[in-house]
Amino acid sequence: MPGKALLGAQKTLQAIADDERDKPKAVPGGLPIQTRSSNMDVLRKIEQEHMRYDVPHFSAGDTVNVHIRIIEGEKERIQVFKGTVIRVRKGTTNATFTVRKVSSGIGVERVFPLHSPSIDRIEVVGRGKVRQSRIYYLRNLKGKAARIKPRDRKA
């Protein structure tokens, strides 16, 4: 019954909004005033609860190991997807990154939500030196031409 789940979410939103409304806010003059919290503040607060803060910094060109939780029936296992990051899309809970690898001569790309609970962890294996934030040109390169130079350790 989706109605009950929706009702529970509305109660949660209402409780957060009530908490925010009861708190006095300061103004530049120094006196607190009562203001009603906007819906955007409530949404931001809910998004903050679902974000992960254990994600390492990586960018396009880096080689990463993405450890993914896979549930098959009653069993749960971890599968590692190792490849090159070709795109990072920033955002809050909607942030994603795309990883590309070549498996048996076939290019495989996978888009991962950055804050997904199905991702166990992300390891940065190597840093690559690229000049673009989205390196889609790797799709057209084969063999040694598709290699990325390592980034200098000085920077």
N, C-alpha and C. Protein backbone atom coordinates (compact mmCIF):
# COMPACT_ATOMS: atom_id res chain seq x y z
N MET A 1 0.83 -1.18 0.00
CA MET A 1 0.00 0.00 0.00
C MET A 1 0.88 1.24 0.00
N PRO A 2 1.00 1.90 -1.15
CA PRO A 2 1.85 3.08 -1.21
C PRO A 2 1.30 4.25 -0.42
N GLY A 3 0.02 4.26 -0.13
CA GLY A 3 -0.58 5.37 0.59
C GLY A 3 -0.03 5.51 2.00
N LYS A 4 0.18 4.35 2.68
CA LYS A 4 0.71 4.39 4.04
C LYS A 4 2.15 4.86 4.06
N ALA A 5 2.95 4.39 3.10
CA ALA A 5 4.36 4.82 3.04
C ALA A 5 4.44 6.32 2.78
N LEU A 6 3.58 6.81 1.89
CA LEU A 6 3.57 8.23 1.58
C LEU A 6 3.14 9.03 2.80
N LEU A 7 2.17 8.50 3.53
CA LEU A 7 1.70 9.18 4.73
C LEU A 7 2.81 9.27 5.77
N GLY A 8 3.60 8.20 5.91
CA GLY A 8 4.73 8.20 6.84
C GLY A 8 5.77 9.23 6.45
N ALA A 9 6.05 9.34 5.15
CA ALA A 9 7.03 10.33 4.67
C ALA A 9 6.52 11.74 4.93
N GLN A 10 5.20 11.96 4.74
CA GLN A 10 4.64 13.28 4.99
C GLN A 10 4.74 13.64 6.47
N LYS A 11 4.54 12.64 7.34
CA LYS A 11 4.67 12.89 8.77
C LYS A 11 6.10 13.27 9.12
N THR A 12 7.07 12.57 8.49
CA THR A 12 8.48 12.88 8.73
C THR A 12 8.80 14.29 8.27
N LEU A 13 8.34 14.65 7.08
CA LEU A 13 8.56 16.00 6.57
C LEU A 13 7.93 17.04 7.49
N GLN A 14 6.74 16.74 7.98
CA GLN A 14 6.05 17.68 8.86
C GLN A 14 6.80 17.83 10.18
N ALA A 15 7.34 16.72 10.71
CA ALA A 15 8.08 16.78 11.97
C ALA A 15 9.34 17.62 11.82
N ILE A 16 10.05 17.46 10.69
CA ILE A 16 11.26 18.24 10.45
C ILE A 16 10.90 19.72 10.29
N ALA A 17 9.82 19.98 9.56
CA ALA A 17 9.41 21.37 9.36
C ALA A 17 9.00 22.01 10.69
N ASP A 18 8.33 21.25 11.58
CA ASP A 18 7.95 21.78 12.88
C ASP A 18 9.18 22.10 13.72
N ASP A 19 10.19 21.23 13.67
CA ASP A 19 11.42 21.48 14.43
C ASP A 19 12.10 22.75 13.95
N GLU A 20 12.16 22.93 12.63
CA GLU A 20 12.81 24.11 12.06
C GLU A 20 12.02 25.38 12.37
N ARG A 21 10.69 25.26 12.38
CA ARG A 21 9.85 26.43 12.61
C ARG A 21 10.00 26.94 14.04
N ASP A 22 10.18 26.00 14.98
CA ASP A 22 10.27 26.39 16.38
C ASP A 22 11.57 27.07 16.73
N LYS A 23 12.62 26.88 15.94
CA LYS A 23 13.91 27.48 16.23
C LYS A 23 13.92 28.95 15.82
N PRO A 24 14.30 29.85 16.72
CA PRO A 24 14.41 31.25 16.31
C PRO A 24 15.64 31.47 15.45
N LYS A 25 15.52 32.30 14.43
CA LYS A 25 16.63 32.60 13.54
C LYS A 25 17.11 34.01 13.79
N ALA A 26 18.43 34.19 13.68
CA ALA A 26 19.01 35.51 13.92
C ALA A 26 18.95 36.35 12.66
N VAL A 27 18.81 37.64 12.84
CA VAL A 27 18.81 38.58 11.73
C VAL A 27 20.04 39.47 11.87
N PRO A 28 20.41 40.23 10.85
CA PRO A 28 21.60 41.08 10.95
C PRO A 28 21.56 42.04 12.14
N GLY A 29 20.39 42.46 12.58
CA GLY A 29 20.28 43.35 13.72
C GLY A 29 20.61 42.67 15.04
N GLY A 30 20.59 41.32 15.05
CA GLY A 30 20.94 40.59 16.24
C GLY A 30 19.76 40.01 16.98
N LEU A 31 18.54 40.42 16.67
CA LEU A 31 17.37 39.91 17.36
C LEU A 31 16.82 38.69 16.62
N PRO A 32 16.48 37.63 17.35
CA PRO A 32 15.92 36.46 16.68
C PRO A 32 14.47 36.72 16.27
N ILE A 33 14.09 36.18 15.13
CA ILE A 33 12.72 36.29 14.67
C ILE A 33 12.20 34.90 14.32
N GLN A 34 10.93 34.72 14.39
CA GLN A 34 10.32 33.44 14.04
C GLN A 34 10.04 33.44 12.53
N THR A 35 10.59 32.44 11.83
CA THR A 35 10.29 32.30 10.41
C THR A 35 9.90 30.86 10.13
N ARG A 36 9.09 30.69 9.15
CA ARG A 36 8.66 29.36 8.76
C ARG A 36 9.70 28.76 7.81
N SER A 37 10.08 27.53 8.06
CA SER A 37 11.09 26.85 7.23
C SER A 37 10.50 26.56 5.85
N SER A 38 11.32 26.73 4.84
CA SER A 38 10.85 26.44 3.49
C SER A 38 10.99 24.95 3.20
N ASN A 39 10.31 24.51 2.18
CA ASN A 39 10.38 23.10 1.79
C ASN A 39 11.77 22.72 1.32
N MET A 40 12.50 23.68 0.74
CA MET A 40 13.85 23.38 0.25
C MET A 40 14.78 23.03 1.41
N ASP A 41 14.62 23.70 2.55
CA ASP A 41 15.45 23.37 3.71
C ASP A 41 15.16 21.95 4.20
N VAL A 42 13.90 21.57 4.17
CA VAL A 42 13.51 20.23 4.59
C VAL A 42 14.11 19.20 3.63
N LEU A 43 14.02 19.46 2.33
CA LEU A 43 14.58 18.53 1.36
C LEU A 43 16.09 18.43 1.50
N ARG A 44 16.75 19.56 1.74
CA ARG A 44 18.20 19.55 1.93
C ARG A 44 18.59 18.71 3.14
N LYS A 45 17.81 18.81 4.19
CA LYS A 45 18.09 18.06 5.40
C LYS A 45 17.93 16.56 5.15
N ILE A 46 16.92 16.17 4.41
CA ILE A 46 16.71 14.76 4.09
C ILE A 46 17.82 14.26 3.18
N GLU A 47 18.24 15.07 2.22
CA GLU A 47 19.34 14.67 1.33
C GLU A 47 20.62 14.47 2.13
N GLN A 48 20.89 15.33 3.11
CA GLN A 48 22.10 15.21 3.92
C GLN A 48 22.14 13.88 4.67
N GLU A 49 20.96 13.38 5.07
CA GLU A 49 20.91 12.11 5.78
C GLU A 49 21.32 10.95 4.89
N HIS A 50 21.07 11.04 3.58
CA HIS A 50 21.34 9.93 2.67
C HIS A 50 22.69 10.03 1.97
N MET A 51 23.44 11.09 2.22
CA MET A 51 24.73 11.23 1.55
C MET A 51 25.82 10.46 2.29
N ARG A 52 26.82 10.02 1.51
CA ARG A 52 27.97 9.32 2.07
C ARG A 52 29.14 10.30 2.14
N TYR A 53 29.91 10.20 3.20
CA TYR A 53 31.04 11.10 3.36
C TYR A 53 32.37 10.34 3.38
N ASP A 54 32.33 9.03 3.10
CA ASP A 54 33.54 8.22 3.09
C ASP A 54 34.08 8.00 1.68
N VAL A 55 33.63 8.79 0.72
CA VAL A 55 34.03 8.64 -0.68
C VAL A 55 35.34 9.39 -0.91
N PRO A 56 36.35 8.72 -1.49
CA PRO A 56 37.60 9.42 -1.76
C PRO A 56 37.45 10.39 -2.93
N HIS A 57 38.36 11.35 -3.02
CA HIS A 57 38.33 12.30 -4.13
C HIS A 57 38.92 11.63 -5.37
N PHE A 58 38.21 11.67 -6.48
CA PHE A 58 38.72 11.17 -7.75
C PHE A 58 38.12 12.00 -8.86
N SER A 59 38.76 11.95 -10.03
CA SER A 59 38.29 12.73 -11.16
C SER A 59 38.46 11.89 -12.43
N ALA A 60 38.10 12.48 -13.56
CA ALA A 60 38.19 11.77 -14.84
C ALA A 60 39.65 11.41 -15.11
N GLY A 61 39.87 10.20 -15.60
CA GLY A 61 41.21 9.72 -15.90
C GLY A 61 41.78 8.84 -14.81
N ASP A 62 41.18 8.86 -13.63
CA ASP A 62 41.68 8.02 -12.54
C ASP A 62 41.20 6.58 -12.72
N THR A 63 42.02 5.64 -12.26
CA THR A 63 41.64 4.23 -12.27
C THR A 63 41.12 3.89 -10.89
N VAL A 64 39.93 3.30 -10.84
CA VAL A 64 39.29 3.00 -9.56
C VAL A 64 38.81 1.56 -9.51
N ASN A 65 38.76 1.04 -8.28
CA ASN A 65 38.09 -0.22 -7.99
C ASN A 65 36.80 0.12 -7.27
N VAL A 66 35.67 -0.27 -7.85
CA VAL A 66 34.38 -0.02 -7.21
C VAL A 66 33.88 -1.36 -6.68
N HIS A 67 33.76 -1.47 -5.37
CA HIS A 67 33.28 -2.69 -4.73
C HIS A 67 31.76 -2.58 -4.58
N ILE A 68 31.04 -3.46 -5.28
CA ILE A 68 29.59 -3.39 -5.33
C ILE A 68 28.99 -4.58 -4.59
N ARG A 69 27.99 -4.32 -3.76
CA ARG A 69 27.26 -5.39 -3.10
C ARG A 69 26.24 -5.95 -4.07
N ILE A 70 26.31 -7.26 -4.29
CA ILE A 70 25.35 -7.91 -5.18
C ILE A 70 24.59 -8.95 -4.36
N ILE A 71 23.27 -8.89 -4.42
CA ILE A 71 22.43 -9.82 -3.67
C ILE A 71 21.82 -10.79 -4.67
N GLU A 72 22.13 -12.08 -4.48
CA GLU A 72 21.58 -13.14 -5.32
C GLU A 72 20.79 -14.08 -4.42
N GLY A 73 19.49 -13.97 -4.48
CA GLY A 73 18.66 -14.77 -3.59
C GLY A 73 18.85 -14.33 -2.15
N GLU A 74 19.34 -15.25 -1.31
CA GLU A 74 19.59 -14.92 0.09
C GLU A 74 21.05 -14.58 0.33
N LYS A 75 21.91 -14.81 -0.67
CA LYS A 75 23.34 -14.58 -0.49
C LYS A 75 23.72 -13.17 -0.94
N GLU A 76 24.69 -12.63 -0.26
CA GLU A 76 25.22 -11.31 -0.64
C GLU A 76 26.72 -11.46 -0.86
N ARG A 77 27.20 -10.89 -1.95
CA ARG A 77 28.63 -10.95 -2.24
C ARG A 77 29.09 -9.59 -2.74
N ILE A 78 30.41 -9.42 -2.78
CA ILE A 78 31.01 -8.17 -3.26
C ILE A 78 31.67 -8.45 -4.60
N GLN A 79 31.35 -7.65 -5.59
CA GLN A 79 31.97 -7.75 -6.91
C GLN A 79 32.75 -6.47 -7.18
N VAL A 80 33.96 -6.63 -7.70
CA VAL A 80 34.82 -5.48 -7.95
C VAL A 80 34.75 -5.12 -9.43
N PHE A 81 34.51 -3.85 -9.72
CA PHE A 81 34.49 -3.33 -11.09
C PHE A 81 35.67 -2.37 -11.19
N LYS A 82 36.71 -2.77 -11.93
CA LYS A 82 37.91 -1.95 -12.05
C LYS A 82 37.95 -1.32 -13.42
N GLY A 83 38.13 -0.01 -13.46
CA GLY A 83 38.19 0.68 -14.74
C GLY A 83 38.60 2.13 -14.58
N THR A 84 38.51 2.85 -15.69
CA THR A 84 38.89 4.25 -15.74
C THR A 84 37.65 5.13 -15.62
N VAL A 85 37.73 6.14 -14.78
CA VAL A 85 36.61 7.08 -14.64
C VAL A 85 36.61 7.98 -15.87
N ILE A 86 35.49 8.00 -16.61
CA ILE A 86 35.42 8.86 -17.78
C ILE A 86 34.52 10.07 -17.56
N ARG A 87 33.78 10.06 -16.45
CA ARG A 87 32.90 11.20 -16.18
C ARG A 87 32.53 11.22 -14.71
N VAL A 88 32.48 12.41 -14.11
CA VAL A 88 31.98 12.60 -12.75
C VAL A 88 30.92 13.68 -12.82
N ARG A 89 29.73 13.34 -12.39
CA ARG A 89 28.63 14.30 -12.36
C ARG A 89 28.39 14.68 -10.92
N LYS A 90 28.59 15.94 -10.60
CA LYS A 90 28.49 16.39 -9.22
C LYS A 90 27.05 16.67 -8.85
N GLY A 91 26.81 16.71 -7.58
CA GLY A 91 25.48 16.98 -7.07
C GLY A 91 25.38 16.50 -5.64
N THR A 92 24.17 16.45 -5.13
CA THR A 92 23.98 15.96 -3.76
C THR A 92 23.71 14.46 -3.83
N THR A 93 22.48 14.06 -3.70
CA THR A 93 22.18 12.63 -3.78
C THR A 93 22.11 12.14 -5.21
N ASN A 94 22.09 13.05 -6.18
CA ASN A 94 22.01 12.65 -7.59
C ASN A 94 23.38 12.63 -8.26
N ALA A 95 24.47 12.67 -7.50
CA ALA A 95 25.82 12.64 -8.08
C ALA A 95 26.11 11.24 -8.62
N THR A 96 26.70 11.17 -9.82
CA THR A 96 27.05 9.89 -10.42
C THR A 96 28.45 9.96 -11.00
N PHE A 97 29.01 8.79 -11.27
CA PHE A 97 30.28 8.71 -11.99
C PHE A 97 30.23 7.50 -12.91
N THR A 98 30.90 7.62 -14.06
CA THR A 98 30.91 6.57 -15.07
C THR A 98 32.29 5.95 -15.13
N VAL A 99 32.34 4.62 -15.09
CA VAL A 99 33.60 3.89 -15.14
C VAL A 99 33.59 3.01 -16.38
N ARG A 100 34.73 3.00 -17.10
CA ARG A 100 34.85 2.21 -18.33
C ARG A 100 35.99 1.22 -18.19
N LYS A 101 35.73 -0.01 -18.62
CA LYS A 101 36.78 -1.01 -18.67
C LYS A 101 36.62 -1.82 -19.95
N VAL A 102 37.69 -2.47 -20.36
CA VAL A 102 37.64 -3.33 -21.54
C VAL A 102 37.74 -4.76 -21.04
N SER A 103 36.70 -5.55 -21.32
CA SER A 103 36.63 -6.93 -20.87
C SER A 103 36.50 -7.84 -22.08
N SER A 104 37.48 -8.68 -22.32
CA SER A 104 37.52 -9.61 -23.46
C SER A 104 37.39 -8.86 -24.78
N GLY A 105 38.02 -7.70 -24.87
CA GLY A 105 38.01 -6.92 -26.10
C GLY A 105 36.75 -6.09 -26.31
N ILE A 106 35.85 -6.11 -25.35
CA ILE A 106 34.60 -5.37 -25.46
C ILE A 106 34.59 -4.30 -24.38
N GLY A 107 34.31 -3.06 -24.76
CA GLY A 107 34.25 -1.96 -23.80
C GLY A 107 32.97 -2.02 -22.99
N VAL A 108 33.11 -1.93 -21.68
CA VAL A 108 31.96 -1.97 -20.78
C VAL A 108 31.98 -0.69 -19.95
N GLU A 109 30.88 0.05 -19.96
CA GLU A 109 30.74 1.26 -19.15
C GLU A 109 29.61 1.06 -18.16
N ARG A 110 29.83 1.58 -16.98
CA ARG A 110 28.79 1.46 -15.98
C ARG A 110 28.67 2.79 -15.23
N VAL A 111 27.45 3.23 -15.01
CA VAL A 111 27.19 4.48 -14.30
C VAL A 111 26.79 4.11 -12.87
N PHE A 112 27.51 4.67 -11.90
CA PHE A 112 27.26 4.40 -10.50
C PHE A 112 26.73 5.65 -9.81
N PRO A 113 25.66 5.54 -9.03
CA PRO A 113 25.29 6.65 -8.15
C PRO A 113 26.33 6.75 -7.03
N LEU A 114 26.85 7.93 -6.80
CA LEU A 114 27.95 8.10 -5.85
C LEU A 114 27.54 7.77 -4.42
N HIS A 115 26.32 8.07 -4.05
CA HIS A 115 25.87 7.88 -2.67
C HIS A 115 25.00 6.64 -2.51
N SER A 116 25.14 5.68 -3.40
CA SER A 116 24.32 4.48 -3.38
C SER A 116 24.73 3.55 -2.23
N PRO A 117 23.76 2.98 -1.53
CA PRO A 117 24.10 2.03 -0.48
C PRO A 117 24.62 0.70 -1.04
N SER A 118 24.42 0.44 -2.33
CA SER A 118 24.92 -0.81 -2.91
C SER A 118 26.42 -0.76 -3.18
N ILE A 119 27.03 0.42 -3.12
CA ILE A 119 28.48 0.53 -3.26
C ILE A 119 29.09 0.34 -1.88
N ASP A 120 29.94 -0.70 -1.76
CA ASP A 120 30.60 -0.97 -0.49
C ASP A 120 31.70 0.04 -0.24
N ARG A 121 32.61 0.19 -1.22
CA ARG A 121 33.66 1.19 -1.11
C ARG A 121 34.26 1.46 -2.48
N ILE A 122 34.99 2.56 -2.58
CA ILE A 122 35.66 2.96 -3.81
C ILE A 122 37.13 3.13 -3.48
N GLU A 123 37.99 2.47 -4.25
CA GLU A 123 39.44 2.60 -4.07
C GLU A 123 40.01 3.29 -5.29
N VAL A 124 40.85 4.29 -5.09
CA VAL A 124 41.54 4.93 -6.19
C VAL A 124 42.88 4.20 -6.36
N VAL A 125 43.04 3.52 -7.51
CA VAL A 125 44.24 2.73 -7.77
C VAL A 125 45.34 3.61 -8.35
N GLY A 126 44.97 4.47 -9.30
CA GLY A 126 45.96 5.35 -9.93
C GLY A 126 45.31 6.63 -10.40
N ARG A 127 46.11 7.65 -10.51
CA ARG A 127 45.62 8.94 -10.98
C ARG A 127 46.13 9.16 -12.39
N GLY A 128 45.24 9.57 -13.28
CA GLY A 128 45.61 9.79 -14.68
C GLY A 128 45.68 11.25 -15.04
N LYS A 129 46.54 11.57 -15.99
CA LYS A 129 46.71 12.94 -16.45
C LYS A 129 45.88 13.14 -17.70
N VAL A 130 44.79 13.85 -17.58
CA VAL A 130 43.91 14.17 -18.71
C VAL A 130 43.61 15.65 -18.67
N ARG A 131 43.20 16.19 -19.82
CA ARG A 131 42.96 17.63 -19.90
C ARG A 131 41.48 17.97 -20.01
N GLN A 132 40.64 16.96 -20.01
CA GLN A 132 39.21 17.18 -20.13
C GLN A 132 38.50 16.53 -18.95
N SER A 133 37.35 17.06 -18.61
CA SER A 133 36.61 16.49 -17.49
C SER A 133 35.77 15.29 -17.91
N ARG A 134 35.52 15.16 -19.19
CA ARG A 134 34.76 14.01 -19.71
C ARG A 134 35.56 13.42 -20.85
N ILE A 135 36.09 12.26 -20.66
CA ILE A 135 37.01 11.70 -21.65
C ILE A 135 36.31 10.62 -22.47
N TYR A 136 35.27 11.04 -23.17
CA TYR A 136 34.51 10.13 -24.03
C TYR A 136 35.32 9.68 -25.24
N TYR A 137 36.41 10.38 -25.55
CA TYR A 137 37.21 10.00 -26.71
C TYR A 137 37.87 8.63 -26.50
N LEU A 138 37.91 8.13 -25.29
CA LEU A 138 38.46 6.80 -25.05
C LEU A 138 37.64 5.71 -25.73
N ARG A 139 36.38 5.99 -25.99
CA ARG A 139 35.52 5.00 -26.65
C ARG A 139 36.02 4.66 -28.06
N ASN A 140 36.66 5.62 -28.71
CA ASN A 140 37.11 5.41 -30.09
C ASN A 140 38.54 4.89 -30.17
N LEU A 141 39.25 4.79 -29.05
CA LEU A 141 40.63 4.36 -29.05
C LEU A 141 40.74 2.89 -28.66
N LYS A 142 41.75 2.21 -29.24
CA LYS A 142 41.93 0.79 -28.96
C LYS A 142 43.39 0.52 -28.59
N GLY A 143 43.60 -0.50 -27.78
CA GLY A 143 44.94 -0.96 -27.46
C GLY A 143 45.77 0.08 -26.72
N LYS A 144 47.03 0.23 -27.18
CA LYS A 144 47.95 1.14 -26.50
C LYS A 144 47.53 2.59 -26.63
N ALA A 145 46.76 2.92 -27.64
CA ALA A 145 46.32 4.31 -27.82
C ALA A 145 45.35 4.73 -26.72
N ALA A 146 44.70 3.76 -26.07
CA ALA A 146 43.71 4.07 -25.04
C ALA A 146 44.35 4.22 -23.66
N ARG A 147 45.66 4.14 -23.57
CA ARG A 147 46.31 4.30 -22.27
C ARG A 147 46.27 5.76 -21.83
N ILE A 148 46.30 5.96 -20.53
CA ILE A 148 46.33 7.31 -19.97
C ILE A 148 47.62 7.44 -19.17
N LYS A 149 48.33 8.54 -19.39
CA LYS A 149 49.59 8.77 -18.68
C LYS A 149 49.30 9.00 -17.19
N PRO A 150 50.20 8.52 -16.33
CA PRO A 150 49.98 8.78 -14.89
C PRO A 150 50.26 10.24 -14.55
N ARG A 151 49.50 10.75 -13.58
CA ARG A 151 49.66 12.13 -13.14
C ARG A 151 50.92 12.23 -12.28
N ASP A 152 51.61 13.35 -12.38
CA ASP A 152 52.80 13.57 -11.58
C ASP A 152 52.47 13.60 -10.11
N ARG A 153 53.35 13.13 -9.30
CA ARG A 153 53.13 13.11 -7.85
C ARG A 153 53.35 14.48 -7.22
N LYS A 154 53.98 15.41 -7.96
CA LYS A 154 54.30 16.74 -7.42
C LYS A 154 53.04 17.52 -7.09
N ALA A 155 52.01 17.40 -7.96
CA ALA A 155 50.82 18.23 -7.82
C ALA A 155 49.95 17.82 -6.68
